[in-house]
Amino acid sequence: MSKAQGLPLSTIILAALGLVVLIILFALLTGRLAIFGRGLAECPGSCLAPYVGDTPDTSASCDTTFTRDVPGTYVERGQEGIPIEKIRKCSKCCIAIA
């Protein structure tokens, strides 16, 4: 019987973890991670009183007859390619009542 040669399981796991770390570093350094995060925070309904910066319009409110406020921080849709500092955020994100 001949002994099989191969890589130990621990080496394969370490190589896979190293590859994941390299991909995350590449995404951080090229700014691609911000694009992914921006897509997750888009308002799924209508964006009320969009603003740029850190001061939302606190007087904005959803029409409670047909919509409801979605808690959280959202950005207005369709802002691909816009620099982070110029992104329009929603003071309120309203979705239709089902």
Protein backbone atom coordinates (compact mmCIF):
# COMPACT_ATOMS: atom_id res chain seq x y z
CA MET A 1 0.00 0.00 0.00
CA SER A 2 1.31 3.40 -0.91
CA LYS A 3 0.68 6.42 1.23
CA ALA A 4 -1.42 9.14 -0.35
CA GLN A 5 0.05 12.57 -0.53
CA GLY A 6 -2.00 15.74 -0.35
CA LEU A 7 -2.58 18.94 1.51
CA PRO A 8 -3.73 18.76 5.10
CA LEU A 9 -7.25 20.06 5.77
CA SER A 10 -5.91 22.87 7.98
CA THR A 11 -3.82 24.21 5.08
CA ILE A 12 -6.84 24.28 2.78
CA ILE A 13 -8.93 26.12 5.40
CA LEU A 14 -6.16 28.69 5.99
CA ALA A 15 -5.82 29.28 2.25
CA ALA A 16 -9.60 29.82 1.91
CA LEU A 17 -9.63 32.28 4.82
CA GLY A 18 -6.67 34.13 3.34
CA LEU A 19 -8.49 34.44 0.02
CA VAL A 20 -11.58 35.87 1.75
CA VAL A 21 -9.43 38.42 3.60
CA LEU A 22 -7.75 39.47 0.33
CA ILE A 23 -11.13 39.95 -1.37
CA ILE A 24 -12.41 42.10 1.51
CA LEU A 25 -9.23 44.21 1.48
CA PHE A 26 -9.53 44.70 -2.27
CA ALA A 27 -13.16 45.79 -1.88
CA LEU A 28 -12.25 48.26 0.87
CA LEU A 29 -9.31 49.76 -0.97
CA THR A 30 -11.12 50.20 -4.29
CA GLY A 31 -14.33 51.57 -2.77
CA ARG A 32 -16.50 48.74 -4.06
CA LEU A 33 -17.75 47.92 -0.57
CA ALA A 34 -19.43 51.34 -0.31
CA ILE A 35 -21.39 50.65 -3.50
CA PHE A 36 -22.65 47.37 -2.05
CA GLY A 37 -23.67 49.04 1.22
CA ARG A 38 -25.39 51.87 -0.62
CA GLY A 39 -27.65 49.42 -2.46
CA LEU A 40 -28.78 47.87 0.81
CA ALA A 41 -29.92 51.19 2.24
CA GLU A 42 -32.03 52.46 -0.69
CA CYS A 43 -35.54 53.52 0.28
CA PRO A 44 -37.97 50.82 -0.89
CA GLY A 45 -40.82 53.33 -1.13
CA SER A 46 -40.97 57.09 -1.53
CA CYS A 47 -38.21 59.27 -0.14
CA LEU A 48 -39.50 62.41 1.60
CA ALA A 49 -37.42 65.59 1.96
CA PRO A 50 -34.07 64.34 0.59
CA TYR A 51 -31.03 66.08 2.06
CA VAL A 52 -27.25 66.03 1.71
CA GLY A 53 -25.13 66.07 4.86
CA ASP A 54 -26.23 65.36 8.41
CA THR A 55 -29.36 67.49 8.93
CA PRO A 56 -32.66 65.77 8.06
CA ASP A 57 -35.95 67.65 7.79
CA THR A 58 -37.67 66.66 11.05
CA SER A 59 -40.99 68.16 9.93
CA ALA A 60 -41.36 65.63 7.09
CA SER A 61 -43.99 62.97 7.77
CA CYS A 62 -45.65 60.15 5.85
CA ASP A 63 -49.33 60.31 4.92
CA THR A 64 -50.69 57.84 7.51
CA THR A 65 -53.79 57.17 5.40
CA PHE A 66 -51.93 55.35 2.64
CA THR A 67 -48.32 54.93 3.81
CA ARG A 68 -46.25 54.18 6.88
CA ASP A 69 -42.77 55.22 7.94
CA VAL A 70 -40.01 52.63 7.65
CA PRO A 71 -37.55 53.01 10.56
CA GLY A 72 -33.88 53.34 9.68
CA THR A 73 -31.59 55.49 7.57
CA TYR A 74 -32.18 55.31 3.82
CA VAL A 75 -30.87 56.97 0.68
CA GLU A 76 -32.82 58.08 -2.37
CA ARG A 77 -32.93 55.62 -5.28
CA GLY A 78 -30.86 55.90 -8.44
CA GLN A 79 -27.63 57.39 -7.12
CA GLU A 80 -25.11 55.02 -8.65
CA GLY A 81 -21.80 56.71 -9.37
CA ILE A 82 -22.42 59.69 -7.08
CA PRO A 83 -19.63 60.41 -4.57
CA ILE A 84 -20.41 59.45 -0.96
CA GLU A 85 -20.36 63.06 0.28
CA LYS A 86 -23.04 64.10 -2.28
CA ILE A 87 -25.54 61.27 -1.71
CA ARG A 88 -29.09 62.40 -0.93
CA LYS A 89 -30.52 60.74 2.18
CA CYS A 90 -34.22 60.54 3.05
CA SER A 91 -35.63 62.42 6.00
CA LYS A 92 -38.44 59.83 5.97
CA CYS A 93 -38.88 56.68 3.91
CA CYS A 94 -42.57 55.86 3.35
CA ILE A 95 -43.97 52.60 1.97
CA ALA A 96 -47.54 51.83 0.96
CA ILE A 97 -49.77 50.07 3.49
CA ALA A 98 -50.66 46.65 2.16
